[in-house]
Protein backbone atom coordinates (compact mmCIF):
# COMPACT_ATOMS: atom_id res chain seq x y z
CA MET A 1 55.94 123.05 105.26
CA SER A 2 54.25 124.24 102.08
CA ARG A 3 54.26 121.33 99.11
CA PRO A 4 57.31 121.50 96.15
CA ASP A 5 55.71 121.79 93.13
CA SER A 6 55.40 118.41 91.33
CA ALA A 7 58.28 119.02 88.66
CA GLY A 8 60.40 119.95 91.57
CA ARG A 9 59.70 116.31 93.18
CA TRP A 10 61.84 114.87 90.48
CA LEU A 11 65.28 115.18 88.86
CA PHE A 12 64.38 114.08 85.32
CA GLY A 13 61.58 112.85 85.83
CA PRO A 14 59.28 110.24 87.60
CA VAL A 15 60.51 107.38 85.13
CA SER A 16 63.82 107.91 84.70
CA ASP A 17 64.38 108.67 88.30
CA LEU A 18 62.47 105.73 89.59
CA VAL A 19 63.88 103.09 87.15
CA LEU A 20 67.76 104.86 86.98
CA GLY A 21 68.43 106.84 90.16
CA CYS A 22 66.13 104.75 92.55
CA GLY A 23 67.08 101.19 91.47
CA LEU A 24 63.17 100.44 90.02
CA GLY A 25 65.29 99.15 86.81
CA TYR A 26 67.50 96.88 88.84
CA VAL A 27 64.62 95.23 90.86
CA VAL A 28 62.35 94.53 87.40
CA VAL A 29 66.08 93.03 85.99
CA PHE A 30 66.07 90.40 89.11
CA ALA A 31 62.31 89.92 89.01
CA TRP A 32 62.68 89.07 85.75
CA LEU A 33 65.33 87.09 85.84
CA LEU A 34 64.13 84.93 88.90
CA VAL A 35 60.63 84.50 87.31
CA SER A 36 61.52 83.11 84.08
CA GLY A 37 65.01 80.89 85.83
CA THR A 38 67.39 82.81 83.70
CA SER A 39 70.64 82.58 85.13
CA LEU A 40 72.74 85.63 85.48
CA ALA A 41 75.84 84.34 83.27
CA SER A 42 73.56 83.74 80.40
CA VAL A 43 72.79 87.91 80.45
CA GLY A 44 76.52 88.16 80.37
CA TRP A 45 76.36 90.66 77.79
CA LEU A 46 74.36 92.97 79.31
CA VAL A 47 76.73 93.25 82.56
CA ALA A 48 79.88 93.60 79.62
CA LEU A 49 77.77 96.51 78.05
CA VAL A 50 76.75 98.35 81.72
CA PRO A 51 80.57 99.06 82.64
CA LEU A 52 81.40 100.33 78.95
CA LEU A 53 78.29 102.64 78.61
CA ALA A 54 78.61 103.90 82.78
CA GLY A 55 80.94 102.19 84.63
CA THR A 56 83.99 104.10 82.51
CA PRO A 57 82.63 107.77 82.55
CA HIS A 58 81.26 107.24 86.30
CA TYR A 59 85.17 107.60 86.98
CA GLY A 60 85.87 110.11 84.79
CA ALA A 61 82.32 112.42 86.62
CA THR A 62 84.42 112.42 89.42
CA LEU A 63 87.23 113.73 87.79
CA LEU A 64 85.81 116.05 86.51
CA ARG A 65 83.63 117.11 89.30
CA VAL A 66 87.02 117.76 91.23
CA TYR A 67 89.66 118.94 88.38
CA GLU A 68 88.01 120.78 85.85
CA LYS A 69 86.47 124.10 87.39
CA ARG A 70 89.33 126.18 89.00
CA SER A 71 87.00 126.97 91.91
CA ASP A 72 86.34 123.24 92.42
CA ARG A 73 90.00 122.80 92.53
CA ARG A 74 90.88 125.58 94.58
CA ALA A 75 87.77 124.00 96.85
CA TYR A 76 89.48 120.26 96.95
CA VAL A 77 92.95 121.06 96.81
CA PHE A 78 94.00 118.97 99.30
CA PHE A 79 92.43 115.59 98.16
CA ALA A 80 92.83 116.66 94.45
CA VAL A 81 96.16 117.22 95.57
CA TRP A 82 98.03 116.00 98.40
CA VAL A 83 95.66 112.90 98.97
CA THR A 84 96.00 112.04 95.03
CA LEU A 85 99.94 112.49 95.69
CA ALA A 86 99.52 110.14 98.33
CA LEU A 87 97.56 107.22 96.57
CA ILE A 88 100.53 107.03 93.79
CA ALA A 89 103.53 106.93 96.48
CA CYS A 90 100.95 104.27 98.14
CA PHE A 91 100.98 102.46 94.50
CA ALA A 92 104.32 102.61 93.71
CA ILE A 93 105.33 101.36 97.71
CA GLY A 94 102.84 98.08 97.04
CA LEU A 95 104.69 96.94 93.80
CA TYR A 96 107.77 96.13 96.16
CA ARG A 97 105.95 95.41 99.62
CA PRO A 98 103.22 92.75 98.42
CA PHE A 99 101.57 92.58 102.08
CA PHE A 100 101.54 96.74 101.59
CA GLY A 101 99.67 96.07 98.16
CA SER A 102 97.40 93.27 100.00
CA LEU A 103 96.28 95.66 102.61
CA LEU A 104 95.35 98.05 100.03
CA LEU A 105 93.60 96.03 97.71
CA SER A 106 91.46 94.47 100.47
CA LEU A 107 91.01 98.11 101.76
CA SER A 108 89.16 98.70 98.14
CA ILE A 109 87.13 95.45 99.24
CA THR A 110 85.75 96.42 102.03
CA TRP A 111 85.42 100.48 100.91
CA GLY A 112 83.05 99.58 98.31
CA PRO A 113 79.84 98.69 99.36
CA TYR A 114 80.14 101.70 101.87
CA HIS A 115 80.55 103.65 99.12
CA TYR A 116 77.31 102.53 97.43
CA SER A 117 75.77 102.84 100.64
CA ALA A 118 76.42 105.68 101.23
CA GLN A 119 75.19 107.00 97.80
CA ASN A 120 72.06 105.30 98.00
CA TYR A 121 71.21 107.19 101.37
CA GLY A 122 72.50 110.84 99.79
CA ILE A 123 70.15 110.44 97.02
CA ALA A 124 67.14 108.78 99.61
CA ALA A 125 67.73 112.28 101.78
CA MET A 126 67.53 114.14 98.51
CA PHE A 127 64.40 113.05 97.53
CA LEU A 128 62.81 113.35 100.91
CA ARG A 129 64.27 117.06 101.10
CA ARG A 130 63.04 117.62 97.40
CA ARG A 131 59.24 117.11 98.66
CA GLY A 132 59.39 119.01 101.68
CA VAL A 133 59.00 116.01 104.04
CA GLU A 134 60.51 116.33 107.51
CA LEU A 135 63.42 114.75 108.26
CA THR A 136 63.90 115.30 112.05
CA PRO A 137 66.96 114.41 113.50
CA ARG A 138 65.86 111.21 114.34
CA ALA A 139 64.54 110.17 111.47
CA ARG A 140 67.28 111.35 109.47
CA ARG A 141 69.44 109.11 112.08
CA ALA A 142 67.44 106.20 111.63
CA LEU A 143 67.20 106.21 108.13
CA GLN A 144 71.26 106.92 107.58
CA LEU A 145 71.86 103.64 110.23
CA SER A 146 69.55 101.68 108.45
CA PHE A 147 72.23 102.00 105.30
CA GLN A 148 75.06 101.92 107.43
CA LEU A 149 73.81 98.66 109.23
CA SER A 150 73.08 97.18 105.63
CA PHE A 151 76.65 97.55 105.20
CA VAL A 152 77.87 96.05 108.13
CA LEU A 153 76.12 92.56 107.39
CA THR A 154 78.20 92.82 103.94
CA PHE A 155 81.11 93.60 105.74
CA LEU A 156 80.61 90.86 108.48
CA SER A 157 80.37 88.67 104.82
CA ILE A 158 83.85 89.80 103.46
CA HIS A 159 85.62 88.93 106.62
CA GLY A 160 84.15 85.88 107.75
CA ALA A 161 86.11 83.07 108.89
CA ILE A 162 84.09 80.83 106.94
CA ASP A 163 84.66 80.31 103.25
CA GLY A 164 82.30 81.76 100.21
CA GLY A 165 82.16 85.03 101.78
CA GLN A 166 84.00 87.24 98.81
CA TYR A 167 81.13 89.87 98.39
CA GLY A 168 82.72 92.41 96.58
CA THR A 169 85.64 91.05 94.68
CA VAL A 170 85.04 88.59 91.65
CA VAL A 171 88.84 87.57 91.41
CA THR A 172 90.22 85.20 93.67
CA TYR A 173 93.46 86.63 93.79
CA ARG A 174 95.19 83.30 93.15
CA GLY A 175 98.42 82.94 91.95
CA SER A 176 98.57 86.64 92.65
CA VAL A 177 101.38 88.51 94.03
CA PHE A 178 98.48 90.36 95.99
CA ARG A 179 95.80 88.78 98.21
CA ASP A 180 92.42 89.44 99.38
CA MET A 181 93.32 90.14 103.39
CA LYS A 182 90.21 89.05 105.50
CA LEU A 183 89.85 89.70 109.22
CA GLY A 184 88.83 85.87 109.09
CA ILE A 185 85.74 86.98 112.24
CA PRO A 186 85.30 82.93 113.87
CA SER A 187 82.42 81.76 113.77
CA PRO A 188 81.13 82.25 117.24
CA TRP A 189 81.94 85.61 117.33
CA TRP A 190 80.83 86.52 113.62
CA GLU A 191 77.40 84.79 114.33
CA ALA A 192 76.65 87.00 117.41
CA ALA A 193 77.92 90.06 115.13
CA PHE A 194 75.93 89.05 112.66
CA GLY A 195 72.79 88.34 114.68
CA LEU A 196 72.99 92.03 116.37
CA ALA A 197 73.54 93.94 113.23
CA LEU A 198 70.77 92.22 111.32
CA ALA A 199 68.04 92.92 114.57
CA ALA A 200 69.38 97.12 114.80
CA TYR A 201 69.19 96.86 110.77
CA LEU A 202 65.52 95.99 111.55
CA GLY A 203 64.83 98.29 114.59
CA SER A 204 66.75 101.07 112.73
CA LEU A 205 64.09 100.35 109.29
CA PHE A 206 61.29 100.74 111.56
CA VAL A 207 61.92 103.67 113.74
CA ALA A 208 62.97 105.58 110.64
CA GLY A 209 59.67 104.39 108.71
CA ARG A 210 57.43 105.14 111.50
CA SER A 211 58.60 108.58 112.42
CA LEU A 212 58.37 109.38 108.21
CA LEU A 213 54.93 108.19 107.94
CA ALA A 214 53.91 110.49 110.66
CA ARG A 215 54.80 113.47 108.55
CA ALA A 216 54.25 112.23 105.24
CA ARG A 217 52.07 110.25 102.99
CA ALA A 218 53.39 107.07 101.97
CA THR A 219 53.40 108.35 98.20
CA GLU A 220 55.59 110.98 98.79
CA LEU A 221 58.00 108.63 100.59
CA PHE A 222 58.20 106.05 97.64
CA PRO A 223 61.32 107.10 95.66
CA SER A 224 63.25 106.87 99.16
CA ALA A 225 61.43 103.97 100.06
CA LEU A 226 62.35 102.10 96.75
CA LEU A 227 66.28 103.10 97.44
CA VAL A 228 65.76 101.60 100.58
CA ALA A 229 64.97 98.03 98.91
CA THR A 230 67.30 98.58 96.31
CA GLN A 231 70.13 98.63 99.67
CA ALA A 232 68.41 95.68 101.06
CA MET A 233 68.99 93.58 97.78
CA TRP A 234 72.37 94.72 97.31
CA PHE A 235 73.95 94.31 100.44
CA THR A 236 71.43 92.73 103.47
CA LEU A 237 69.53 90.10 101.47
CA PRO A 238 72.49 88.18 99.75
CA PRO A 239 75.09 88.41 103.01
CA LEU A 240 71.72 86.77 104.74
CA ALA A 241 70.57 84.40 101.96
CA ARG A 242 74.55 83.30 102.35
CA SER A 243 74.22 83.07 105.90
CA MET A 244 70.94 80.66 105.67
CA GLY A 245 72.30 78.12 103.18
CA TRP A 246 70.20 79.25 99.92
CA ILE A 247 73.31 80.42 98.11
CA GLY A 248 76.91 79.52 98.71
CA GLY A 249 80.32 79.74 97.18
CA ASP A 250 81.86 82.96 95.95
CA LEU A 251 80.66 82.17 92.04
CA SER A 252 77.45 82.86 92.99
CA VAL A 253 77.57 86.40 95.41
CA ALA A 254 80.84 87.53 93.17
CA THR A 255 78.30 87.18 90.33
CA ALA A 256 75.67 89.49 92.11
CA PHE A 257 78.44 91.96 93.09
CA VAL A 258 78.35 92.74 88.93
CA TRP A 259 75.06 93.46 89.28
CA VAL A 260 75.18 95.46 92.07
CA ALA A 261 78.16 97.56 90.70
CA ALA A 262 76.89 97.79 87.30
CA GLY A 263 73.84 99.40 89.09
CA HIS A 264 75.65 101.65 91.03
CA THR A 265 77.27 103.16 88.02
CA VAL A 266 74.12 104.01 86.17
CA GLN A 267 72.57 105.87 89.52
CA TYR A 268 76.10 107.52 89.53
CA MET A 269 75.98 108.84 86.00
CA TRP A 270 72.01 109.75 86.45
CA ILE A 271 72.49 112.06 88.99
CA THR A 272 76.27 113.67 88.21
CA THR A 273 74.65 114.28 84.47
CA TYR A 274 72.26 116.63 86.32
CA TYR A 275 74.47 118.28 88.39
CA ALA A 276 76.62 118.92 85.64
CA ALA A 277 73.41 120.57 83.41
CA HIS A 278 71.82 122.66 86.49
CA ALA A 279 76.03 124.20 88.09
CA GLY A 280 76.56 125.26 84.21
CA GLY A 281 79.96 125.30 82.35
CA TRP A 282 80.04 121.82 81.02
CA GLY A 283 78.06 122.05 77.79
CA SER A 284 75.03 119.69 76.86
CA ARG A 285 74.42 116.56 78.66
CA THR A 286 76.15 114.67 75.48
CA ALA A 287 79.11 116.54 76.15
CA PHE A 288 79.35 116.25 79.56
CA TYR A 289 79.31 112.18 79.06
CA LEU A 290 81.51 112.59 76.59
CA LYS A 291 84.51 114.31 78.30
CA ALA A 292 83.78 111.70 81.69
CA LEU A 293 83.64 108.57 79.16
CA LEU A 294 87.00 110.34 78.20
CA ALA A 295 88.70 111.11 81.09
CA GLY A 296 87.59 107.74 82.54
CA THR A 297 89.42 106.27 79.59
CA LEU A 298 92.28 107.73 80.45
CA LEU A 299 92.24 106.93 84.06
CA PHE A 300 92.77 103.20 83.48
CA THR A 301 94.48 103.56 80.05
CA ALA A 302 97.56 105.55 81.28
CA PRO A 303 98.84 103.97 84.23
CA ALA A 304 98.77 100.62 81.92
CA LEU A 305 100.40 102.07 80.01
CA ILE A 306 102.80 104.11 81.64
CA TYR A 307 104.11 100.91 83.25
CA SER A 308 103.99 98.81 80.25
CA LEU A 309 106.46 101.55 78.68
CA THR A 310 108.56 102.90 81.50
CA VAL A 311 108.94 100.07 84.06
CA GLN A 312 108.11 96.68 82.97
CA GLY A 313 110.85 94.24 82.24
CA THR A 314 113.16 96.19 84.69
CA SER A 315 114.34 96.72 87.61
CA LEU A 316 111.98 99.10 88.42
CA GLY A 317 109.06 97.45 88.55
CA GLY A 318 109.07 95.59 91.90
CA VAL A 319 107.64 91.77 92.50
CA ALA A 320 104.72 92.09 90.58
CA PHE A 321 103.85 92.21 86.98
CA GLY A 322 101.58 92.14 84.42
CA ALA A 323 97.89 91.30 85.83
CA ASP A 324 98.75 91.92 89.28
CA VAL A 325 99.98 95.26 88.44
CA GLY A 326 96.07 95.82 86.55
CA ILE A 327 94.39 94.34 89.27
CA TYR A 328 96.71 96.78 92.02
CA ALA A 329 96.30 99.75 89.78
CA VAL A 330 92.42 99.23 89.75
CA ALA A 331 92.26 98.98 93.67
CA LEU A 332 94.11 102.12 93.86
CA ILE A 333 92.01 104.19 90.93
CA ASN A 334 88.88 102.70 93.11
CA LEU A 335 90.17 104.16 96.51
CA HIS A 336 90.92 107.74 95.03
CA HIS A 337 87.46 107.58 93.07
CA PHE A 338 85.79 106.81 96.79
CA VAL A 339 87.94 109.44 98.76
CA LEU A 340 87.25 112.27 95.78
CA ASP A 341 83.63 110.97 95.68
CA GLY A 342 83.09 110.97 99.69
CA ALA A 343 84.78 114.84 99.40
CA VAL A 344 82.34 116.23 97.10
CA TRP A 345 79.22 115.13 97.02
CA LYS A 346 77.71 116.30 100.12
CA LEU A 347 74.52 117.64 100.78
CA ARG A 348 75.42 120.03 103.29
CA ASP A 349 77.97 121.33 100.97
CA GLY A 350 75.94 124.32 99.80
CA ARG A 351 76.53 124.15 96.42
CA VAL A 352 75.66 120.95 96.08
CA ALA A 353 72.34 121.41 98.01
CA ARG A 354 71.57 124.36 95.80
CA ILE A 355 71.11 122.47 92.90
CA LEU A 356 70.02 118.98 93.83
CA ILE A 357 67.72 120.19 97.05
CA ARG A 358 66.88 123.61 96.52
CA ARG A 359 66.64 123.33 92.45
CA GLU A 360 68.51 127.12 92.51
CA ALA A 361 70.58 128.55 90.01
CA ASP A 362 74.67 128.05 90.47
CA PRO A 363 76.27 131.11 90.95
CA ALA A 364 79.53 129.68 89.88
CA GLY A 365 78.21 128.46 86.88
CA ALA A 366 78.87 130.66 84.42
CA GLU A 367 82.71 129.87 85.01
CA SER A 368 84.24 128.82 81.98
CA VAL A 369 86.19 125.43 81.42
CA GLY A 370 88.98 124.10 79.51
CA SER A 371 90.10 127.38 78.85
CA GLY A 372 94.28 127.30 77.94
CA TRP A 373 95.97 124.72 76.40
CA LEU A 374 95.35 122.09 79.69
CA ALA A 375 92.07 121.28 78.59
CA PRO A 376 92.32 120.73 75.01
CA ALA A 377 95.68 118.32 75.64
CA PHE A 378 93.98 116.21 78.20
CA TYR A 379 91.21 115.26 76.18
CA GLY A 380 93.82 114.80 73.70
CA LEU A 381 95.67 112.53 74.70
CA ALA A 382 91.97 110.91 76.65
CA THR A 383 91.08 110.22 72.91
CA LEU A 384 94.50 108.94 71.82
CA ALA A 385 94.17 106.89 75.12
CA MET A 386 90.27 105.51 73.97
CA LEU A 387 91.88 104.61 70.11
CA TYR A 388 94.83 102.53 71.91
CA GLU A 389 92.15 100.86 74.58
CA THR A 390 89.97 100.18 71.15
CA GLY A 391 92.67 98.79 68.52
CA ALA A 392 94.18 96.56 72.02
CA GLN A 393 90.92 94.87 72.32
CA THR A 394 90.55 94.32 68.65
CA VAL A 395 93.59 92.74 68.54
CA LEU A 396 92.59 90.70 71.41
């Protein structure tokens, strides 16, 4: 197989790709914290800044990917319309049935690490294929399995019977009508499952590494290897450290997850910005970012605003009020994001593969977006939502 040109091996370039896309920036920050002895809490300003700059627009980027172009709306109509309506119905039911709402909340908490893991694997596979590395079925299965088993370790950490395993949330939900419903796997079974999953994880890494090193030089595998390391730092080492007693309690584990979420959203904006720039129809990178920021702001502001203006304080509000509704709304927004993201970002999708792997022009790139009155109205409402949110934060 011919080796791709050096420019085609990267998206934006080696520095930005490694720092933003492969998790090197995350690794460097954590190394600095460990060496300097600085606590995570003492640099909380950085944790607050990243969600503002990357977290909100990363939700909006998914909305643009699914809804802005007519061809995408048609291709993903089942998810864009019917699944969305089903989730809205679920949200309404949960306002009156706390048990049902708690189930959805717990599903969101559990699904989050899987969503992150799938993205890490997809980017690792993308870098291998852009470099012309032969990804045999055996190597692909082993590599994918390593990311999945890493998630399994976190799943067990979340759902073990031992307290202190709230890896995936920074909220205890004490006093809320909704609660995080853990499976409560008893210790003997939990320990056996954790040991088997850890052994299988290490075995899958060995098989994948051996197979890939037999077909490519280590330098060609470095970006993907860095993503394997990032995945381990996100979802393998924290539950392992907790099981060994190296870290403990909800606070330390939950604080770590805040940083994981920050790293994920930066990574998401990095790759979706590249896709938008090469798919065409979204304008410049800056224009895409601003539209994603507006869409994400409206997504989070509109439900709370509609609820406060039409439902709160009336009999329509069910059993949930105030902060409870906010917690529940974020959970449903996350579920909606997970479903849409899983549908549209698949390397086996011809359009995605053309741009992210083969670097070909998108035949639908010339399709105009934002025609008619709908798009201006949407972004107008989003701008008002952003101004409303800014004003509310200023008052607080």
